[in-house]
PDB file of N, CA and C in Angstrom:
ATOM      1  N   MET A   1       0.848  -1.174   0.000  1.00  0.00           N
ATOM      2  CA  MET A   1       0.000   0.000   0.000  1.00  0.00           C
ATOM      3  C   MET A   1       0.891   1.233   0.000  1.00  0.00           C
ATOM      4  N   PHE A   2       0.407   2.267  -0.620  1.00  0.00           N
ATOM      5  CA  PHE A   2       1.138   3.525  -0.721  1.00  0.00           C
ATOM      6  C   PHE A   2       0.219   4.645  -0.263  1.00  0.00           C
ATOM      7  N   THR A   3       0.671   5.436   0.684  1.00  0.00           N
ATOM      8  CA  THR A   3      -0.116   6.585   1.132  1.00  0.00           C
ATOM      9  C   THR A   3       0.759   7.833   1.099  1.00  0.00           C
ATOM     10  N   ILE A   4       0.132   8.951   0.799  1.00  0.00           N
ATOM     11  CA  ILE A   4       0.819  10.231   0.801  1.00  0.00           C
ATOM     12  C   ILE A   4      -0.214  11.300   1.126  1.00  0.00           C
ATOM     13  N   GLY A   5       0.136  12.213   2.006  1.00  0.00           N
ATOM     14  CA  GLY A   5      -0.792  13.253   2.426  1.00  0.00           C
ATOM     15  C   GLY A   5      -0.558  14.563   1.700  1.00  0.00           C
ATOM     16  N   ASN A   6      -1.562  15.426   1.731  1.00  0.00           N
ATOM     17  CA  ASN A   6      -1.440  16.737   1.092  1.00  0.00           C
ATOM     18  C   ASN A   6      -0.294  17.542   1.672  1.00  0.00           C
ATOM     19  N   ASP A   7      -0.050  17.397   2.977  1.00  0.00           N
ATOM     20  CA  ASP A   7       1.043  18.145   3.600  1.00  0.00           C
ATOM     21  C   ASP A   7       2.395  17.681   3.071  1.00  0.00           C
ATOM     22  N   GLU A   8       2.513  16.430   2.653  1.00  0.00           N
ATOM     23  CA  GLU A   8       3.747  15.934   2.052  1.00  0.00           C
ATOM     24  C   GLU A   8       3.906  16.448   0.623  1.00  0.00           C
ATOM     25  N   LEU A   9       2.814  16.549  -0.109  1.00  0.00           N
ATOM     26  CA  LEU A   9       2.858  16.979  -1.504  1.00  0.00           C
ATOM     27  C   LEU A   9       3.209  18.447  -1.672  1.00  0.00           C
ATOM     28  N   LYS A  10       2.781  19.287  -0.754  1.00  0.00           N
ATOM     29  CA  LYS A  10       2.947  20.729  -0.950  1.00  0.00           C
ATOM     30  C   LYS A  10       4.419  21.140  -1.039  1.00  0.00           C
ATOM     31  N   ASN A  11       5.321  20.382  -0.428  1.00  0.00           N
ATOM     32  CA  ASN A  11       6.740  20.725  -0.462  1.00  0.00           C
ATOM     33  C   ASN A  11       7.507  20.045  -1.593  1.00  0.00           C
ATOM     34  N   ASN A  12       6.856  19.135  -2.296  1.00  0.00           N
ATOM     35  CA  ASN A  12       7.520  18.428  -3.399  1.00  0.00           C
ATOM     36  C   ASN A  12       7.590  19.323  -4.634  1.00  0.00           C
ATOM     37  N   PRO A  13       8.622  19.132  -5.465  1.00  0.00           N
ATOM     38  CA  PRO A  13       8.723  19.926  -6.693  1.00  0.00           C
ATOM     39  C   PRO A  13       7.641  19.522  -7.703  1.00  0.00           C
ATOM     40  N   SER A  14       7.346  20.436  -8.605  1.00  0.00           N
ATOM     41  CA  SER A  14       6.385  20.132  -9.661  1.00  0.00           C
ATOM     42  C   SER A  14       6.983  19.089 -10.600  1.00  0.00           C
ATOM     43  N   LEU A  15       6.108  18.316 -11.186  1.00  0.00           N
ATOM     44  CA  LEU A  15       6.519  17.261 -12.105  1.00  0.00           C
ATOM     45  C   LEU A  15       6.780  17.863 -13.475  1.00  0.00           C
ATOM     46  N   GLY A  16       7.887  17.491 -14.101  1.00  0.00           N
ATOM     47  CA  GLY A  16       8.225  17.992 -15.433  1.00  0.00           C
ATOM     48  C   GLY A  16       7.659  17.092 -16.522  1.00  0.00           C
ATOM     49  N   ASP A  17       8.247  17.171 -17.696  1.00  0.00           N
ATOM     50  CA  ASP A  17       7.808  16.373 -18.840  1.00  0.00           C
ATOM     51  C   ASP A  17       8.492  15.005 -18.889  1.00  0.00           C
ATOM     52  N   PHE A  18       9.656  14.897 -18.242  1.00  0.00           N
ATOM     53  CA  PHE A  18      10.427  13.660 -18.225  1.00  0.00           C
ATOM     54  C   PHE A  18      10.811  13.320 -16.798  1.00  0.00           C
ATOM     55  N   ILE A  19      11.181  12.057 -16.592  1.00  0.00           N
ATOM     56  CA  ILE A  19      11.657  11.634 -15.283  1.00  0.00           C
ATOM     57  C   ILE A  19      12.835  10.686 -15.482  1.00  0.00           C
ATOM     58  N   LEU A  20      13.811  10.762 -14.599  1.00  0.00           N
ATOM     59  CA  LEU A  20      14.935   9.843 -14.632  1.00  0.00           C
ATOM     60  C   LEU A  20      14.525   8.591 -13.870  1.00  0.00           C
ATOM     61  N   CYS A  21      14.475   7.477 -14.569  1.00  0.00           N
ATOM     62  CA  CYS A  21      13.963   6.221 -14.013  1.00  0.00           C
ATOM     63  C   CYS A  21      14.956   5.612 -13.020  1.00  0.00           C
ATOM     64  N   PRO A  22      14.500   5.306 -11.804  1.00  0.00           N
ATOM     65  CA  PRO A  22      15.379   4.658 -10.832  1.00  0.00           C
ATOM     66  C   PRO A  22      15.607   3.177 -11.142  1.00  0.00           C
ATOM     67  N   HIS A  23      14.845   2.628 -12.070  1.00  0.00           N
ATOM     68  CA  HIS A  23      14.942   1.205 -12.401  1.00  0.00           C
ATOM     69  C   HIS A  23      15.980   0.938 -13.489  1.00  0.00           C
ATOM     70  N   CYS A  24      15.994   1.776 -14.535  1.00  0.00           N
ATOM     71  CA  CYS A  24      16.896   1.529 -15.658  1.00  0.00           C
ATOM     72  C   CYS A  24      17.889   2.663 -15.899  1.00  0.00           C
ATOM     73  N   GLY A  25      17.692   3.822 -15.253  1.00  0.00           N
ATOM     74  CA  GLY A  25      18.596   4.957 -15.418  1.00  0.00           C
ATOM     75  C   GLY A  25      18.318   5.807 -16.650  1.00  0.00           C
ATOM     76  N   GLU A  26      17.317   5.454 -17.447  1.00  0.00           N
ATOM     77  CA  GLU A  26      16.959   6.214 -18.649  1.00  0.00           C
ATOM     78  C   GLU A  26      15.919   7.280 -18.323  1.00  0.00           C
ATOM     79  N   ARG A  27      15.754   8.244 -19.243  1.00  0.00           N
ATOM     80  CA  ARG A  27      14.689   9.239 -19.115  1.00  0.00           C
ATOM     81  C   ARG A  27      13.435   8.707 -19.772  1.00  0.00           C
ATOM     82  N   HIS A  28      12.292   8.908 -19.116  1.00  0.00           N
ATOM     83  CA  HIS A  28      11.009   8.476 -19.658  1.00  0.00           C
ATOM     84  C   HIS A  28      10.051   9.657 -19.693  1.00  0.00           C
ATOM     85  N   ILE A  29       9.159   9.653 -20.661  1.00  0.00           N
ATOM     86  CA  ILE A  29       8.140  10.699 -20.787  1.00  0.00           C
ATOM     87  C   ILE A  29       7.075  10.487 -19.725  1.00  0.00           C
ATOM     88  N   ILE A  30       6.683  11.570 -19.070  1.00  0.00           N
ATOM     89  CA  ILE A  30       5.599  11.526 -18.097  1.00  0.00           C
ATOM     90  C   ILE A  30       4.279  11.552 -18.854  1.00  0.00           C
ATOM     91  N   GLN A  31       3.376  10.661 -18.473  1.00  0.00           N
ATOM     92  CA  GLN A  31       2.042  10.609 -19.066  1.00  0.00           C
ATOM     93  C   GLN A  31       1.023  10.911 -17.967  1.00  0.00           C
ATOM     94  N   HIS A  32      -0.126  11.400 -18.379  1.00  0.00           N
ATOM     95  CA  HIS A  32      -1.164  11.778 -17.419  1.00  0.00           C
ATOM     96  C   HIS A  32      -2.453  11.026 -17.726  1.00  0.00           C
ATOM     97  N   GLY A  33      -3.227  10.804 -16.692  1.00  0.00           N
ATOM     98  CA  GLY A  33      -4.520  10.164 -16.864  1.00  0.00           C
ATOM     99  C   GLY A  33      -5.532  11.121 -17.463  1.00  0.00           C
ATOM    100  N   ASP A  34      -6.701  10.608 -17.773  1.00  0.00           N
ATOM    101  CA  ASP A  34      -7.783  11.423 -18.340  1.00  0.00           C
ATOM    102  C   ASP A  34      -8.859  11.678 -17.296  1.00  0.00           C
ATOM    103  N   GLU A  35      -9.405  12.875 -17.341  1.00  0.00           N
ATOM    104  CA  GLU A  35     -10.592  13.206 -16.549  1.00  0.00           C
ATOM    105  C   GLU A  35     -11.768  13.153 -17.518  1.00  0.00           C
ATOM    106  N   ILE A  36     -12.802  12.432 -17.148  1.00  0.00           N
ATOM    107  CA  ILE A  36     -13.986  12.359 -17.998  1.00  0.00           C
ATOM    108  C   ILE A  36     -14.959  13.444 -17.549  1.00  0.00           C
ATOM    109  N   LEU A  37     -15.256  14.344 -18.450  1.00  0.00           N
ATOM    110  CA  LEU A  37     -16.138  15.477 -18.165  1.00  0.00           C
ATOM    111  C   LEU A  37     -17.600  15.031 -18.229  1.00  0.00           C
ATOM    112  N   PRO A  38     -18.518  15.815 -17.645  1.00  0.00           N
ATOM    113  CA  PRO A  38     -19.937  15.442 -17.619  1.00  0.00           C
ATOM    114  C   PRO A  38     -20.537  15.149 -18.998  1.00  0.00           C
ATOM    115  N   ASP A  39     -20.007  15.790 -20.043  1.00  0.00           N
ATOM    116  CA  ASP A  39     -20.546  15.546 -21.383  1.00  0.00           C
ATOM    117  C   ASP A  39     -19.915  14.315 -22.049  1.00  0.00           C
ATOM    118  N   GLY A  40     -19.037  13.607 -21.324  1.00  0.00           N
ATOM    119  CA  GLY A  40     -18.431  12.383 -21.843  1.00  0.00           C
ATOM    120  C   GLY A  40     -17.088  12.578 -22.525  1.00  0.00           C
ATOM    121  N   THR A  41     -16.696  13.824 -22.744  1.00  0.00           N
ATOM    122  CA  THR A  41     -15.393  14.066 -23.360  1.00  0.00           C
ATOM    123  C   THR A  41     -14.286  13.898 -22.325  1.00  0.00           C
ATOM    124  N   LYS A  42     -13.072  13.753 -22.798  1.00  0.00           N
ATOM    125  CA  LYS A  42     -11.930  13.548 -21.904  1.00  0.00           C
ATOM    126  C   LYS A  42     -10.960  14.706 -22.021  1.00  0.00           C
ATOM    127  N   LYS A  43     -10.306  15.014 -20.922  1.00  0.00           N
ATOM    128  CA  LYS A  43      -9.204  15.973 -20.937  1.00  0.00           C
ATOM    129  C   LYS A  43      -8.109  15.425 -20.026  1.00  0.00           C
ATOM    130  N   LYS A  44      -6.877  15.780 -20.335  1.00  0.00           N
ATOM    131  CA  LYS A  44      -5.753  15.311 -19.533  1.00  0.00           C
ATOM    132  C   LYS A  44      -5.836  15.911 -18.135  1.00  0.00           C
ATOM    133  N   SER A  45      -5.498  15.105 -17.142  1.00  0.00           N
ATOM    134  CA  SER A  45      -5.537  15.529 -15.750  1.00  0.00           C
ATOM    135  C   SER A  45      -4.229  15.143 -15.086  1.00  0.00           C
ATOM    136  N   LYS A  46      -3.698  16.010 -14.253  1.00  0.00           N
ATOM    137  CA  LYS A  46      -2.456  15.717 -13.541  1.00  0.00           C
ATOM    138  C   LYS A  46      -2.718  15.093 -12.166  1.00  0.00           C
ATOM    139  N   LEU A  47      -3.948  14.642 -11.944  1.00  0.00           N
ATOM    140  CA  LEU A  47      -4.256  13.993 -10.668  1.00  0.00           C
ATOM    141  C   LEU A  47      -3.331  12.803 -10.445  1.00  0.00           C
ATOM    142  N   LEU A  48      -3.179  11.959 -11.456  1.00  0.00           N
ATOM    143  CA  LEU A  48      -2.233  10.842 -11.394  1.00  0.00           C
ATOM    144  C   LEU A  48      -1.353  10.890 -12.639  1.00  0.00           C
ATOM    145  N   SER A  49      -0.046  10.906 -12.428  1.00  0.00           N
ATOM    146  CA  SER A  49       0.912  10.918 -13.530  1.00  0.00           C
ATOM    147  C   SER A  49       1.787   9.686 -13.424  1.00  0.00           C
ATOM    148  N   PHE A  50       2.159   9.152 -14.562  1.00  0.00           N
ATOM    149  CA  PHE A  50       2.916   7.901 -14.560  1.00  0.00           C
ATOM    150  C   PHE A  50       3.912   7.877 -15.715  1.00  0.00           C
ATOM    151  N   TYR A  51       4.796   6.894 -15.674  1.00  0.00           N
ATOM    152  CA  TYR A  51       5.708   6.664 -16.781  1.00  0.00           C
ATOM    153  C   TYR A  51       5.816   5.165 -17.005  1.00  0.00           C
ATOM    154  N   LYS A  52       6.234   4.805 -18.211  1.00  0.00           N
ATOM    155  CA  LYS A  52       6.391   3.397 -18.565  1.00  0.00           C
ATOM    156  C   LYS A  52       7.868   3.071 -18.697  1.00  0.00           C
ATOM    157  N   CYS A  53       8.260   1.965 -18.095  1.00  0.00           N
ATOM    158  CA  CYS A  53       9.616   1.456 -18.200  1.00  0.00           C
ATOM    159  C   CYS A  53       9.505  -0.016 -18.562  1.00  0.00           C
ATOM    160  N   ARG A  54      10.074  -0.338 -19.702  1.00  0.00           N
ATOM    161  CA  ARG A  54       9.958  -1.689 -20.244  1.00  0.00           C
ATOM    162  C   ARG A  54       8.483  -2.021 -20.392  1.00  0.00           C
ATOM    163  N   ASP A  55       7.973  -3.026 -19.739  1.00  0.00           N
ATOM    164  CA  ASP A  55       6.555  -3.381 -19.899  1.00  0.00           C
ATOM    165  C   ASP A  55       5.724  -3.051 -18.666  1.00  0.00           C
ATOM    166  N   LYS A  56       6.226  -2.153 -17.801  1.00  0.00           N
ATOM    167  CA  LYS A  56       5.504  -1.808 -16.574  1.00  0.00           C
ATOM    168  C   LYS A  56       5.250  -0.301 -16.489  1.00  0.00           C
ATOM    169  N   CYS A  57       4.191   0.067 -15.757  1.00  0.00           N
ATOM    170  CA  CYS A  57       3.876   1.468 -15.478  1.00  0.00           C
ATOM    171  C   CYS A  57       4.203   1.772 -14.031  1.00  0.00           C
ATOM    172  N   PHE A  58       4.727   2.975 -13.772  1.00  0.00           N
ATOM    173  CA  PHE A  58       5.079   3.389 -12.426  1.00  0.00           C
ATOM    174  C   PHE A  58       4.483   4.764 -12.137  1.00  0.00           C
ATOM    175  N   LEU A  59       3.981   4.944 -10.935  1.00  0.00           N
ATOM    176  CA  LEU A  59       3.438   6.223 -10.511  1.00  0.00           C
ATOM    177  C   LEU A  59       4.577   7.225 -10.350  1.00  0.00           C
ATOM    178  N   ALA A  60       4.404   8.417 -10.915  1.00  0.00           N
ATOM    179  CA  ALA A  60       5.440   9.441 -10.855  1.00  0.00           C
ATOM    180  C   ALA A  60       4.985  10.699 -10.132  1.00  0.00           C
ATOM    181  N   GLY A  61       3.663  10.992 -10.159  1.00  0.00           N
ATOM    182  CA  GLY A  61       3.201  12.227  -9.566  1.00  0.00           C
ATOM    183  C   GLY A  61       1.740  12.189  -9.184  1.00  0.00           C
ATOM    184  N   VAL A  62       1.399  13.041  -8.232  1.00  0.00           N
ATOM    185  CA  VAL A  62       0.026  13.212  -7.774  1.00  0.00           C
ATOM    186  C   VAL A  62      -0.248  14.708  -7.743  1.00  0.00           C
ATOM    187  N   ASN A  63      -1.342  15.118  -8.354  1.00  0.00           N
ATOM    188  CA  ASN A  63      -1.717  16.540  -8.424  1.00  0.00           C
ATOM    189  C   ASN A  63      -0.602  17.413  -8.991  1.00  0.00           C
ATOM    190  N   GLY A  64       0.138  16.883  -9.968  1.00  0.00           N
ATOM    191  CA  GLY A  64       1.199  17.653 -10.607  1.00  0.00           C
ATOM    192  C   GLY A  64       2.486  17.738  -9.816  1.00  0.00           C
ATOM    193  N   LYS A  65       2.558  17.072  -8.679  1.00  0.00           N
ATOM    194  CA  LYS A  65       3.753  17.103  -7.835  1.00  0.00           C
ATOM    195  C   LYS A  65       4.530  15.799  -7.974  1.00  0.00           C
ATOM    196  N   ASN A  66       5.854  15.908  -8.018  1.00  0.00           N
ATOM    197  CA  ASN A  66       6.733  14.756  -8.143  1.00  0.00           C
ATOM    198  C   ASN A  66       6.747  13.983  -6.829  1.00  0.00           C
ATOM    199  N   ILE A  67       6.479  12.681  -6.882  1.00  0.00           N
ATOM    200  CA  ILE A  67       6.492  11.860  -5.666  1.00  0.00           C
ATOM    201  C   ILE A  67       7.717  10.950  -5.610  1.00  0.00           C
ATOM    202  N   MET A  68       8.610  11.040  -6.582  1.00  0.00           N
ATOM    203  CA  MET A  68       9.734  10.127  -6.654  1.00  0.00           C
ATOM    204  C   MET A  68      10.665  10.226  -5.445  1.00  0.00           C
ATOM    205  N   SER A  69      10.759  11.370  -4.810  1.00  0.00           N
ATOM    206  CA  SER A  69      11.623  11.514  -3.635  1.00  0.00           C
ATOM    207  C   SER A  69      11.128  10.647  -2.479  1.00  0.00           C
ATOM    208  N   LYS A  70       9.867  10.265  -2.504  1.00  0.00           N
ATOM    209  CA  LYS A  70       9.286   9.402  -1.470  1.00  0.00           C
ATOM    210  C   LYS A  70       9.940   8.018  -1.490  1.00  0.00           C
ATOM    211  N   PHE A  71      10.506   7.611  -2.635  1.00  0.00           N
ATOM    212  CA  PHE A  71      11.058   6.272  -2.788  1.00  0.00           C
ATOM    213  C   PHE A  71      12.564   6.205  -2.586  1.00  0.00           C
ATOM    214  N   LYS A  72      13.213   7.313  -2.320  1.00  0.00           N
ATOM    215  CA  LYS A  72      14.680   7.318  -2.150  1.00  0.00           C
ATOM    216  C   LYS A  72      15.073   6.797  -0.789  1.00  0.00           C
TER     217      LYS A  72
END
């Protein structure tokens, strides 16, 4: 299980477009989930941000904030 509070997020840096992967050492593009609007259309949302390394997805950010320092 993974938990993180708002008080922890407020001091974290904002998430950029790329992240340095702790698993392979390469840079990966940050991707964002979609928010489904009331009319059924989708727009990108920074609520949950992730990156793909090899064949797996990893959480990179919450609410636009980088959470990777939590794993160091």
